[in-house]
Amino acid sequence: MEHIKAKALHAIGTTAARRYALAGDIPTFAEQGVSGFDVPAWIGLFGPAGMPAAAIEELSMHCATALSDKDVATKIERLYCAPSYQDPQTFKTFIATQSEAMRGLLRAAAN
């Protein structure tokens, strides 16, 4: 973002369906006529296969607590990321949806 703010680079659009609050002057591709293009940037926390449900819930609780802390949120925002929490089931559904979308994108690009 520093290069964009310094006008060394020109951002042509964001890949998510909505503008990022931290880069509100950069339009989305959808706003520019590229429909069906929703590829948000995200970071997630994963554990090993077979991780006990109790450990998942405890880790999830600690993540939710940390992300609700104003100091933590500010530090994340300084990295031009928007802190957000999803419970384990919601995140699992999100991953499945994103994986399917990427499969479709890769299939279309291969043809």
PDB file of N, CA and C in Angstrom:
ATOM      1  N   MET A   1       0.817  -1.201   0.000  1.00  0.00           N
ATOM      2  CA  MET A   1       0.000   0.000   0.000  1.00  0.00           C
ATOM      3  C   MET A   1       0.857   1.261   0.000  1.00  0.00           C
ATOM      4  N   GLU A   2       2.051   1.179   0.588  1.00  0.00           N
ATOM      5  CA  GLU A   2       2.892   2.374   0.626  1.00  0.00           C
ATOM      6  C   GLU A   2       3.228   2.840  -0.784  1.00  0.00           C
ATOM      7  N   HIS A   3       3.477   1.889  -1.702  1.00  0.00           N
ATOM      8  CA  HIS A   3       3.812   2.243  -3.081  1.00  0.00           C
ATOM      9  C   HIS A   3       2.614   2.878  -3.787  1.00  0.00           C
ATOM     10  N   ILE A   4       1.425   2.395  -3.478  1.00  0.00           N
ATOM     11  CA  ILE A   4       0.218   2.964  -4.077  1.00  0.00           C
ATOM     12  C   ILE A   4      -0.005   4.377  -3.537  1.00  0.00           C
ATOM     13  N   LYS A   5       0.147   4.535  -2.235  1.00  0.00           N
ATOM     14  CA  LYS A   5      -0.035   5.864  -1.639  1.00  0.00           C
ATOM     15  C   LYS A   5       1.007   6.854  -2.146  1.00  0.00           C
ATOM     16  N   ALA A   6       2.215   6.344  -2.429  1.00  0.00           N
ATOM     17  CA  ALA A   6       3.291   7.206  -2.929  1.00  0.00           C
ATOM     18  C   ALA A   6       3.179   7.444  -4.434  1.00  0.00           C
ATOM     19  N   LYS A   7       2.153   6.861  -5.062  1.00  0.00           N
ATOM     20  CA  LYS A   7       1.911   6.988  -6.507  1.00  0.00           C
ATOM     21  C   LYS A   7       2.997   6.305  -7.343  1.00  0.00           C
ATOM     22  N   ALA A   8       3.758   5.370  -6.724  1.00  0.00           N
ATOM     23  CA  ALA A   8       4.749   4.597  -7.469  1.00  0.00           C
ATOM     24  C   ALA A   8       4.070   3.452  -8.219  1.00  0.00           C
ATOM     25  N   LEU A   9       2.919   3.018  -7.719  1.00  0.00           N
ATOM     26  CA  LEU A   9       2.102   1.998  -8.363  1.00  0.00           C
ATOM     27  C   LEU A   9       0.673   2.513  -8.460  1.00  0.00           C
ATOM     28  N   HIS A  10      -0.032   2.042  -9.476  1.00  0.00           N
ATOM     29  CA  HIS A  10      -1.436   2.407  -9.637  1.00  0.00           C
ATOM     30  C   HIS A  10      -2.285   1.155  -9.447  1.00  0.00           C
ATOM     31  N   ALA A  11      -3.146   1.152  -8.453  1.00  0.00           N
ATOM     32  CA  ALA A  11      -4.039   0.012  -8.208  1.00  0.00           C
ATOM     33  C   ALA A  11      -5.203   0.098  -9.179  1.00  0.00           C
ATOM     34  N   ILE A  12      -5.434  -0.980  -9.927  1.00  0.00           N
ATOM     35  CA  ILE A  12      -6.529  -0.954 -10.898  1.00  0.00           C
ATOM     36  C   ILE A  12      -7.837  -1.460 -10.310  1.00  0.00           C
ATOM     37  N   GLY A  13      -7.775  -2.157  -9.193  1.00  0.00           N
ATOM     38  CA  GLY A  13      -9.003  -2.614  -8.561  1.00  0.00           C
ATOM     39  C   GLY A  13      -8.735  -3.590  -7.437  1.00  0.00           C
ATOM     40  N   THR A  14      -9.738  -3.756  -6.589  1.00  0.00           N
ATOM     41  CA  THR A  14      -9.665  -4.759  -5.529  1.00  0.00           C
ATOM     42  C   THR A  14     -10.446  -5.985  -5.980  1.00  0.00           C
ATOM     43  N   THR A  15     -10.043  -7.126  -5.486  1.00  0.00           N
ATOM     44  CA  THR A  15     -10.627  -8.380  -5.946  1.00  0.00           C
ATOM     45  C   THR A  15     -11.866  -8.806  -5.175  1.00  0.00           C
ATOM     46  N   ALA A  16     -12.173  -8.140  -4.095  1.00  0.00           N
ATOM     47  CA  ALA A  16     -13.353  -8.498  -3.304  1.00  0.00           C
ATOM     48  C   ALA A  16     -14.601  -7.823  -3.869  1.00  0.00           C
ATOM     49  N   ALA A  17     -15.749  -8.272  -3.417  1.00  0.00           N
ATOM     50  CA  ALA A  17     -17.019  -7.716  -3.888  1.00  0.00           C
ATOM     51  C   ALA A  17     -17.245  -6.293  -3.381  1.00  0.00           C
ATOM     52  N   ARG A  18     -16.635  -5.963  -2.233  1.00  0.00           N
ATOM     53  CA  ARG A  18     -16.785  -4.619  -1.655  1.00  0.00           C
ATOM     54  C   ARG A  18     -15.422  -3.962  -1.556  1.00  0.00           C
ATOM     55  N   ARG A  19     -15.422  -2.654  -1.566  1.00  0.00           N
ATOM     56  CA  ARG A  19     -14.166  -1.917  -1.372  1.00  0.00           C
ATOM     57  C   ARG A  19     -13.632  -2.185   0.030  1.00  0.00           C
ATOM     58  N   TYR A  20     -12.321  -2.200   0.147  1.00  0.00           N
ATOM     59  CA  TYR A  20     -11.690  -2.349   1.453  1.00  0.00           C
ATOM     60  C   TYR A  20     -11.714  -0.997   2.155  1.00  0.00           C
ATOM     61  N   ALA A  21     -12.099  -0.997   3.409  1.00  0.00           N
ATOM     62  CA  ALA A  21     -12.166   0.257   4.172  1.00  0.00           C
ATOM     63  C   ALA A  21     -10.811   0.953   4.209  1.00  0.00           C
ATOM     64  N   LEU A  22      -9.740   0.175   4.234  1.00  0.00           N
ATOM     65  CA  LEU A  22      -8.399   0.750   4.329  1.00  0.00           C
ATOM     66  C   LEU A  22      -7.880   1.256   2.990  1.00  0.00           C
ATOM     67  N   ALA A  23      -8.619   0.973   1.931  1.00  0.00           N
ATOM     68  CA  ALA A  23      -8.223   1.431   0.592  1.00  0.00           C
ATOM     69  C   ALA A  23      -9.484   1.838  -0.161  1.00  0.00           C
ATOM     70  N   GLY A  24     -10.292   2.657   0.475  1.00  0.00           N
ATOM     71  CA  GLY A  24     -11.605   3.009  -0.045  1.00  0.00           C
ATOM     72  C   GLY A  24     -11.616   3.728  -1.374  1.00  0.00           C
ATOM     73  N   ASP A  25     -10.483   4.300  -1.779  1.00  0.00           N
ATOM     74  CA  ASP A  25     -10.449   4.994  -3.058  1.00  0.00           C
ATOM     75  C   ASP A  25     -10.145   4.056  -4.229  1.00  0.00           C
ATOM     76  N   ILE A  26      -9.866   2.791  -3.945  1.00  0.00           N
ATOM     77  CA  ILE A  26      -9.598   1.815  -5.007  1.00  0.00           C
ATOM     78  C   ILE A  26     -10.904   1.088  -5.316  1.00  0.00           C
ATOM     79  N   PRO A  27     -11.396   1.193  -6.563  1.00  0.00           N
ATOM     80  CA  PRO A  27     -12.666   0.544  -6.904  1.00  0.00           C
ATOM     81  C   PRO A  27     -12.532  -0.969  -7.001  1.00  0.00           C
ATOM     82  N   THR A  28     -13.641  -1.643  -6.862  1.00  0.00           N
ATOM     83  CA  THR A  28     -13.648  -3.096  -7.066  1.00  0.00           C
ATOM     84  C   THR A  28     -13.686  -3.376  -8.563  1.00  0.00           C
ATOM     85  N   PHE A  29     -13.330  -4.594  -8.939  1.00  0.00           N
ATOM     86  CA  PHE A  29     -13.437  -4.971 -10.344  1.00  0.00           C
ATOM     87  C   PHE A  29     -14.901  -4.975 -10.782  1.00  0.00           C
ATOM     88  N   ALA A  30     -15.800  -5.358  -9.863  1.00  0.00           N
ATOM     89  CA  ALA A  30     -17.232  -5.356 -10.186  1.00  0.00           C
ATOM     90  C   ALA A  30     -17.708  -3.948 -10.534  1.00  0.00           C
ATOM     91  N   GLU A  31     -17.224  -2.956  -9.816  1.00  0.00           N
ATOM     92  CA  GLU A  31     -17.592  -1.573 -10.115  1.00  0.00           C
ATOM     93  C   GLU A  31     -17.109  -1.146 -11.500  1.00  0.00           C
ATOM     94  N   GLN A  32     -16.115  -1.849 -11.999  1.00  0.00           N
ATOM     95  CA  GLN A  32     -15.539  -1.515 -13.304  1.00  0.00           C
ATOM     96  C   GLN A  32     -16.067  -2.418 -14.418  1.00  0.00           C
ATOM     97  N   GLY A  33     -17.118  -3.195 -14.109  1.00  0.00           N
ATOM     98  CA  GLY A  33     -17.767  -3.996 -15.136  1.00  0.00           C
ATOM     99  C   GLY A  33     -17.348  -5.449 -15.215  1.00  0.00           C
ATOM    100  N   VAL A  34     -16.470  -5.895 -14.336  1.00  0.00           N
ATOM    101  CA  VAL A  34     -16.066  -7.302 -14.314  1.00  0.00           C
ATOM    102  C   VAL A  34     -16.961  -8.015 -13.301  1.00  0.00           C
ATOM    103  N   SER A  35     -18.053  -8.609 -13.782  1.00  0.00           N
ATOM    104  CA  SER A  35     -19.028  -9.213 -12.876  1.00  0.00           C
ATOM    105  C   SER A  35     -18.585 -10.604 -12.417  1.00  0.00           C
ATOM    106  N   GLY A  36     -19.093 -10.998 -11.270  1.00  0.00           N
ATOM    107  CA  GLY A  36     -18.820 -12.329 -10.733  1.00  0.00           C
ATOM    108  C   GLY A  36     -17.405 -12.509 -10.216  1.00  0.00           C
ATOM    109  N   PHE A  37     -16.717 -11.435  -9.989  1.00  0.00           N
ATOM    110  CA  PHE A  37     -15.328 -11.503  -9.537  1.00  0.00           C
ATOM    111  C   PHE A  37     -15.276 -11.134  -8.068  1.00  0.00           C
ATOM    112  N   ASP A  38     -15.256 -12.129  -7.200  1.00  0.00           N
ATOM    113  CA  ASP A  38     -15.203 -11.893  -5.758  1.00  0.00           C
ATOM    114  C   ASP A  38     -14.160 -12.826  -5.164  1.00  0.00           C
ATOM    115  N   VAL A  39     -12.951 -12.322  -5.051  1.00  0.00           N
ATOM    116  CA  VAL A  39     -11.842 -13.102  -4.511  1.00  0.00           C
ATOM    117  C   VAL A  39     -11.221 -12.286  -3.375  1.00  0.00           C
ATOM    118  N   PRO A  40     -11.832 -12.362  -2.194  1.00  0.00           N
ATOM    119  CA  PRO A  40     -11.307 -11.570  -1.087  1.00  0.00           C
ATOM    120  C   PRO A  40      -9.980 -12.128  -0.578  1.00  0.00           C
ATOM    121  N   ALA A  41      -9.145 -11.250  -0.096  1.00  0.00           N
ATOM    122  CA  ALA A  41      -7.913 -11.682   0.562  1.00  0.00           C
ATOM    123  C   ALA A  41      -8.267 -12.055   1.997  1.00  0.00           C
ATOM    124  N   TRP A  42      -7.708 -13.135   2.481  1.00  0.00           N
ATOM    125  CA  TRP A  42      -8.009 -13.548   3.847  1.00  0.00           C
ATOM    126  C   TRP A  42      -6.854 -14.372   4.406  1.00  0.00           C
ATOM    127  N   ILE A  43      -6.824 -14.447   5.706  1.00  0.00           N
ATOM    128  CA  ILE A  43      -5.832 -15.260   6.424  1.00  0.00           C
ATOM    129  C   ILE A  43      -6.605 -16.097   7.419  1.00  0.00           C
ATOM    130  N   GLY A  44      -6.272 -17.364   7.527  1.00  0.00           N
ATOM    131  CA  GLY A  44      -6.964 -18.236   8.466  1.00  0.00           C
ATOM    132  C   GLY A  44      -5.976 -19.038   9.290  1.00  0.00           C
ATOM    133  N   LEU A  45      -6.479 -19.595  10.343  1.00  0.00           N
ATOM    134  CA  LEU A  45      -5.679 -20.430  11.228  1.00  0.00           C
ATOM    135  C   LEU A  45      -6.175 -21.863  11.102  1.00  0.00           C
ATOM    136  N   PHE A  46      -5.259 -22.777  10.820  1.00  0.00           N
ATOM    137  CA  PHE A  46      -5.603 -24.180  10.629  1.00  0.00           C
ATOM    138  C   PHE A  46      -4.853 -25.043  11.624  1.00  0.00           C
ATOM    139  N   GLY A  47      -5.428 -26.196  11.931  1.00  0.00           N
ATOM    140  CA  GLY A  47      -4.780 -27.168  12.797  1.00  0.00           C
ATOM    141  C   GLY A  47      -4.627 -28.483  12.049  1.00  0.00           C
ATOM    142  N   PRO A  48      -3.978 -29.440  12.662  1.00  0.00           N
ATOM    143  CA  PRO A  48      -3.772 -30.728  12.003  1.00  0.00           C
ATOM    144  C   PRO A  48      -5.079 -31.515  11.857  1.00  0.00           C
ATOM    145  N   ALA A  49      -5.111 -32.392  10.862  1.00  0.00           N
ATOM    146  CA  ALA A  49      -6.279 -33.267  10.689  1.00  0.00           C
ATOM    147  C   ALA A  49      -6.480 -34.063  11.974  1.00  0.00           C
ATOM    148  N   GLY A  50      -7.727 -34.221  12.357  1.00  0.00           N
ATOM    149  CA  GLY A  50      -8.037 -34.988  13.559  1.00  0.00           C
ATOM    150  C   GLY A  50      -7.861 -34.224  14.855  1.00  0.00           C
ATOM    151  N   MET A  51      -7.668 -32.932  14.772  1.00  0.00           N
ATOM    152  CA  MET A  51      -7.506 -32.115  15.982  1.00  0.00           C
ATOM    153  C   MET A  51      -8.763 -32.253  16.836  1.00  0.00           C
ATOM    154  N   PRO A  52      -8.619 -32.496  18.129  1.00  0.00           N
ATOM    155  CA  PRO A  52      -9.796 -32.666  18.992  1.00  0.00           C
ATOM    156  C   PRO A  52     -10.695 -31.424  18.992  1.00  0.00           C
ATOM    157  N   ALA A  53     -11.994 -31.664  18.998  1.00  0.00           N
ATOM    158  CA  ALA A  53     -12.973 -30.571  18.975  1.00  0.00           C
ATOM    159  C   ALA A  53     -12.766 -29.607  20.137  1.00  0.00           C
ATOM    160  N   ALA A  54     -12.414 -30.120  21.301  1.00  0.00           N
ATOM    161  CA  ALA A  54     -12.201 -29.242  22.462  1.00  0.00           C
ATOM    162  C   ALA A  54     -11.033 -28.287  22.214  1.00  0.00           C
ATOM    163  N   ALA A  55      -9.988 -28.768  21.565  1.00  0.00           N
ATOM    164  CA  ALA A  55      -8.835 -27.914  21.261  1.00  0.00           C
ATOM    165  C   ALA A  55      -9.215 -26.860  20.224  1.00  0.00           C
ATOM    166  N   ILE A  56     -10.014 -27.254  19.237  1.00  0.00           N
ATOM    167  CA  ILE A  56     -10.480 -26.304  18.219  1.00  0.00           C
ATOM    168  C   ILE A  56     -11.295 -25.200  18.879  1.00  0.00           C
ATOM    169  N   GLU A  57     -12.214 -25.582  19.748  1.00  0.00           N
ATOM    170  CA  GLU A  57     -13.060 -24.592  20.417  1.00  0.00           C
ATOM    171  C   GLU A  57     -12.243 -23.660  21.305  1.00  0.00           C
ATOM    172  N   GLU A  58     -11.266 -24.205  22.021  1.00  0.00           N
ATOM    173  CA  GLU A  58     -10.446 -23.356  22.883  1.00  0.00           C
ATOM    174  C   GLU A  58      -9.607 -22.385  22.053  1.00  0.00           C
ATOM    175  N   LEU A  59      -8.986 -22.877  21.001  1.00  0.00           N
ATOM    176  CA  LEU A  59      -8.197 -22.010  20.128  1.00  0.00           C
ATOM    177  C   LEU A  59      -9.085 -20.937  19.495  1.00  0.00           C
ATOM    178  N   SER A  60     -10.275 -21.327  19.077  1.00  0.00           N
ATOM    179  CA  SER A  60     -11.226 -20.395  18.491  1.00  0.00           C
ATOM    180  C   SER A  60     -11.603 -19.298  19.490  1.00  0.00           C
ATOM    181  N   MET A  61     -11.840 -19.696  20.722  1.00  0.00           N
ATOM    182  CA  MET A  61     -12.194 -18.727  21.758  1.00  0.00           C
ATOM    183  C   MET A  61     -11.061 -17.722  21.964  1.00  0.00           C
ATOM    184  N   HIS A  62      -9.826 -18.211  21.987  1.00  0.00           N
ATOM    185  CA  HIS A  62      -8.684 -17.312  22.179  1.00  0.00           C
ATOM    186  C   HIS A  62      -8.515 -16.375  20.975  1.00  0.00           C
ATOM    187  N   CYS A  63      -8.761 -16.883  19.776  1.00  0.00           N
ATOM    188  CA  CYS A  63      -8.691 -16.034  18.577  1.00  0.00           C
ATOM    189  C   CYS A  63      -9.746 -14.946  18.633  1.00  0.00           C
ATOM    190  N   ALA A  64     -10.958 -15.306  19.002  1.00  0.00           N
ATOM    191  CA  ALA A  64     -12.049 -14.326  19.096  1.00  0.00           C
ATOM    192  C   ALA A  64     -11.707 -13.249  20.117  1.00  0.00           C
ATOM    193  N   THR A  65     -11.162 -13.669  21.242  1.00  0.00           N
ATOM    194  CA  THR A  65     -10.780 -12.720  22.287  1.00  0.00           C
ATOM    195  C   THR A  65      -9.687 -11.786  21.790  1.00  0.00           C
ATOM    196  N   ALA A  66      -8.666 -12.359  21.154  1.00  0.00           N
ATOM    197  CA  ALA A  66      -7.558 -11.538  20.658  1.00  0.00           C
ATOM    198  C   ALA A  66      -8.034 -10.552  19.598  1.00  0.00           C
ATOM    199  N   LEU A  67      -8.872 -11.011  18.668  1.00  0.00           N
ATOM    200  CA  LEU A  67      -9.330 -10.132  17.594  1.00  0.00           C
ATOM    201  C   LEU A  67     -10.285  -9.042  18.087  1.00  0.00           C
ATOM    202  N   SER A  68     -10.883  -9.235  19.245  1.00  0.00           N
ATOM    203  CA  SER A  68     -11.755  -8.197  19.797  1.00  0.00           C
ATOM    204  C   SER A  68     -10.971  -7.164  20.609  1.00  0.00           C
ATOM    205  N   ASP A  69      -9.704  -7.426  20.837  1.00  0.00           N
ATOM    206  CA  ASP A  69      -8.849  -6.492  21.568  1.00  0.00           C
ATOM    207  C   ASP A  69      -8.467  -5.332  20.644  1.00  0.00           C
ATOM    208  N   LYS A  70      -8.709  -4.109  21.085  1.00  0.00           N
ATOM    209  CA  LYS A  70      -8.471  -2.923  20.258  1.00  0.00           C
ATOM    210  C   LYS A  70      -7.007  -2.799  19.829  1.00  0.00           C
ATOM    211  N   ASP A  71      -6.073  -3.112  20.733  1.00  0.00           N
ATOM    212  CA  ASP A  71      -4.651  -3.014  20.388  1.00  0.00           C
ATOM    213  C   ASP A  71      -4.275  -4.021  19.312  1.00  0.00           C
ATOM    214  N   VAL A  72      -4.787  -5.234  19.423  1.00  0.00           N
ATOM    215  CA  VAL A  72      -4.515  -6.261  18.419  1.00  0.00           C
ATOM    216  C   VAL A  72      -5.116  -5.847  17.082  1.00  0.00           C
ATOM    217  N   ALA A  73      -6.355  -5.374  17.111  1.00  0.00           N
ATOM    218  CA  ALA A  73      -7.018  -4.943  15.877  1.00  0.00           C
ATOM    219  C   ALA A  73      -6.239  -3.822  15.196  1.00  0.00           C
ATOM    220  N   THR A  74      -5.745  -2.879  15.968  1.00  0.00           N
ATOM    221  CA  THR A  74      -4.970  -1.768  15.412  1.00  0.00           C
ATOM    222  C   THR A  74      -3.695  -2.267  14.743  1.00  0.00           C
ATOM    223  N   LYS A  75      -3.020  -3.205  15.372  1.00  0.00           N
ATOM    224  CA  LYS A  75      -1.790  -3.759  14.786  1.00  0.00           C
ATOM    225  C   LYS A  75      -2.085  -4.502  13.486  1.00  0.00           C
ATOM    226  N   ILE A  76      -3.174  -5.224  13.452  1.00  0.00           N
ATOM    227  CA  ILE A  76      -3.563  -5.939  12.225  1.00  0.00           C
ATOM    228  C   ILE A  76      -3.908  -4.934  11.134  1.00  0.00           C
ATOM    229  N   GLU A  77      -4.622  -3.885  11.479  1.00  0.00           N
ATOM    230  CA  GLU A  77      -5.001  -2.857  10.505  1.00  0.00           C
ATOM    231  C   GLU A  77      -3.781  -2.145   9.930  1.00  0.00           C
ATOM    232  N   ARG A  78      -2.730  -2.006  10.718  1.00  0.00           N
ATOM    233  CA  ARG A  78      -1.497  -1.381  10.220  1.00  0.00           C
ATOM    234  C   ARG A  78      -0.862  -2.206   9.097  1.00  0.00           C
ATOM    235  N   LEU A  79      -1.230  -3.467   9.020  1.00  0.00           N
ATOM    236  CA  LEU A  79      -0.750  -4.355   7.952  1.00  0.00           C
ATOM    237  C   LEU A  79      -1.700  -4.331   6.754  1.00  0.00           C
ATOM    238  N   TYR A  80      -2.648  -3.404   6.766  1.00  0.00           N
ATOM    239  CA  TYR A  80      -3.672  -3.248   5.734  1.00  0.00           C
ATOM    240  C   TYR A  80      -4.539  -4.494   5.622  1.00  0.00           C
ATOM    241  N   CYS A  81      -4.848  -5.054   6.764  1.00  0.00           N
ATOM    242  CA  CYS A  81      -5.776  -6.180   6.852  1.00  0.00           C
ATOM    243  C   CYS A  81      -6.938  -5.750   7.732  1.00  0.00           C
ATOM    244  N   ALA A  82      -8.091  -6.329   7.486  1.00  0.00           N
ATOM    245  CA  ALA A  82      -9.274  -6.032   8.298  1.00  0.00           C
ATOM    246  C   ALA A  82      -9.507  -7.207   9.234  1.00  0.00           C
ATOM    247  N   PRO A  83      -9.285  -7.022  10.537  1.00  0.00           N
ATOM    248  CA  PRO A  83      -9.484  -8.132  11.459  1.00  0.00           C
ATOM    249  C   PRO A  83     -10.928  -8.603  11.463  1.00  0.00           C
ATOM    250  N   SER A  84     -11.099  -9.901  11.425  1.00  0.00           N
ATOM    251  CA  SER A  84     -12.437 -10.483  11.371  1.00  0.00           C
ATOM    252  C   SER A  84     -12.369 -11.876  11.980  1.00  0.00           C
ATOM    253  N   TYR A  85     -13.409 -12.256  12.670  1.00  0.00           N
ATOM    254  CA  TYR A  85     -13.463 -13.572  13.299  1.00  0.00           C
ATOM    255  C   TYR A  85     -14.636 -14.359  12.731  1.00  0.00           C
ATOM    256  N   GLN A  86     -14.391 -15.644  12.477  1.00  0.00           N
ATOM    257  CA  GLN A  86     -15.465 -16.570  12.129  1.00  0.00           C
ATOM    258  C   GLN A  86     -15.322 -17.791  13.029  1.00  0.00           C
ATOM    259  N   ASP A  87     -16.444 -18.271  13.547  1.00  0.00           N
ATOM    260  CA  ASP A  87     -16.399 -19.479  14.362  1.00  0.00           C
ATOM    261  C   ASP A  87     -15.968 -20.650  13.456  1.00  0.00           C
ATOM    262  N   PRO A  88     -15.530 -21.765  14.049  1.00  0.00           N
ATOM    263  CA  PRO A  88     -14.998 -22.868  13.246  1.00  0.00           C
ATOM    264  C   PRO A  88     -15.930 -23.368  12.142  1.00  0.00           C
ATOM    265  N   GLN A  89     -17.213 -23.505  12.405  1.00  0.00           N
ATOM    266  CA  GLN A  89     -18.124 -24.016  11.388  1.00  0.00           C
ATOM    267  C   GLN A  89     -18.306 -23.013  10.247  1.00  0.00           C
ATOM    268  N   THR A  90     -18.428 -21.744  10.589  1.00  0.00           N
ATOM    269  CA  THR A  90     -18.566 -20.707   9.568  1.00  0.00           C
ATOM    270  C   THR A  90     -17.313 -20.654   8.703  1.00  0.00           C
ATOM    271  N   PHE A  91     -16.141 -20.763   9.326  1.00  0.00           N
ATOM    272  CA  PHE A  91     -14.881 -20.738   8.580  1.00  0.00           C
ATOM    273  C   PHE A  91     -14.767 -21.969   7.681  1.00  0.00           C
ATOM    274  N   LYS A  92     -15.198 -23.117   8.178  1.00  0.00           N
ATOM    275  CA  LYS A  92     -15.171 -24.340   7.363  1.00  0.00           C
ATOM    276  C   LYS A  92     -16.044 -24.170   6.116  1.00  0.00           C
ATOM    277  N   THR A  93     -17.215 -23.582   6.286  1.00  0.00           N
ATOM    278  CA  THR A  93     -18.107 -23.322   5.152  1.00  0.00           C
ATOM    279  C   THR A  93     -17.475 -22.317   4.192  1.00  0.00           C
ATOM    280  N   PHE A  94     -16.852 -21.276   4.733  1.00  0.00           N
ATOM    281  CA  PHE A  94     -16.172 -20.274   3.913  1.00  0.00           C
ATOM    282  C   PHE A  94     -15.070 -20.926   3.074  1.00  0.00           C
ATOM    283  N   ILE A  95     -14.274 -21.788   3.687  1.00  0.00           N
ATOM    284  CA  ILE A  95     -13.184 -22.478   2.977  1.00  0.00           C
ATOM    285  C   ILE A  95     -13.756 -23.327   1.842  1.00  0.00           C
ATOM    286  N   ALA A  96     -14.826 -24.039   2.115  1.00  0.00           N
ATOM    287  CA  ALA A  96     -15.443 -24.880   1.083  1.00  0.00           C
ATOM    288  C   ALA A  96     -15.941 -24.024  -0.082  1.00  0.00           C
ATOM    289  N   THR A  97     -16.568 -22.899   0.223  1.00  0.00           N
ATOM    290  CA  THR A  97     -17.075 -22.003  -0.814  1.00  0.00           C
ATOM    291  C   THR A  97     -15.932 -21.414  -1.633  1.00  0.00           C
ATOM    292  N   GLN A  98     -14.889 -20.951  -0.951  1.00  0.00           N
ATOM    293  CA  GLN A  98     -13.739 -20.385  -1.650  1.00  0.00           C
ATOM    294  C   GLN A  98     -13.032 -21.438  -2.509  1.00  0.00           C
ATOM    295  N   SER A  99     -12.911 -22.655  -1.986  1.00  0.00           N
ATOM    296  CA  SER A  99     -12.264 -23.732  -2.742  1.00  0.00           C
ATOM    297  C   SER A  99     -13.032 -24.041  -4.015  1.00  0.00           C
ATOM    298  N   GLU A 100     -14.340 -24.097  -3.912  1.00  0.00           N
ATOM    299  CA  GLU A 100     -15.163 -24.372  -5.091  1.00  0.00           C
ATOM    300  C   GLU A 100     -15.063 -23.239  -6.110  1.00  0.00           C
ATOM    301  N   ALA A 101     -15.059 -22.020  -5.632  1.00  0.00           N
ATOM    302  CA  ALA A 101     -14.926 -20.866  -6.532  1.00  0.00           C
ATOM    303  C   ALA A 101     -13.585 -20.902  -7.263  1.00  0.00           C
ATOM    304  N   MET A 102     -12.521 -21.240  -6.556  1.00  0.00           N
ATOM    305  CA  MET A 102     -11.201 -21.302  -7.177  1.00  0.00           C
ATOM    306  C   MET A 102     -11.111 -22.463  -8.174  1.00  0.00           C
ATOM    307  N   ARG A 103     -11.752 -23.594  -7.857  1.00  0.00           N
ATOM    308  CA  ARG A 103     -11.792 -24.714  -8.807  1.00  0.00           C
ATOM    309  C   ARG A 103     -12.452 -24.272 -10.109  1.00  0.00           C
ATOM    310  N   GLY A 104     -13.567 -23.563  -9.988  1.00  0.00           N
ATOM    311  CA  GLY A 104     -14.269 -23.078 -11.165  1.00  0.00           C
ATOM    312  C   GLY A 104     -13.413 -22.097 -11.963  1.00  0.00           C
ATOM    313  N   LEU A 105     -12.726 -21.220 -11.260  1.00  0.00           N
ATOM    314  CA  LEU A 105     -11.863 -20.248 -11.918  1.00  0.00           C
ATOM    315  C   LEU A 105     -10.728 -20.952 -12.657  1.00  0.00           C
ATOM    316  N   LEU A 106     -10.108 -21.937 -12.024  1.00  0.00           N
ATOM    317  CA  LEU A 106      -9.014 -22.665 -12.654  1.00  0.00           C
ATOM    318  C   LEU A 106      -9.503 -23.480 -13.855  1.00  0.00           C
ATOM    319  N   ARG A 107     -10.678 -24.076 -13.738  1.00  0.00           N
ATOM    320  CA  ARG A 107     -11.238 -24.814 -14.882  1.00  0.00           C
ATOM    321  C   ARG A 107     -11.497 -23.874 -16.052  1.00  0.00           C
ATOM    322  N   ALA A 108     -12.060 -22.713 -15.773  1.00  0.00           N
ATOM    323  CA  ALA A 108     -12.345 -21.757 -16.838  1.00  0.00           C
ATOM    324  C   ALA A 108     -11.058 -21.261 -17.482  1.00  0.00           C
ATOM    325  N   ALA A 109     -10.026 -21.054 -16.677  1.00  0.00           N
ATOM    326  CA  ALA A 109      -8.750 -20.575 -17.222  1.00  0.00           C
ATOM    327  C   ALA A 109      -8.070 -21.643 -18.062  1.00  0.00           C
ATOM    328  N   ALA A 110      -8.303 -22.912 -17.760  1.00  0.00           N
ATOM    329  CA  ALA A 110      -7.674 -24.012 -18.491  1.00  0.00           C
ATOM    330  C   ALA A 110      -8.294 -24.218 -19.867  1.00  0.00           C
ATOM    331  N   ASN A 111      -9.503 -23.733 -20.050  1.00  0.00           N
ATOM    332  CA  ASN A 111     -10.197 -23.939 -21.350  1.00  0.00           C
ATOM    333  C   ASN A 111      -9.957 -22.827 -22.314  1.00  0.00           C
TER     334      ASN A 111
END
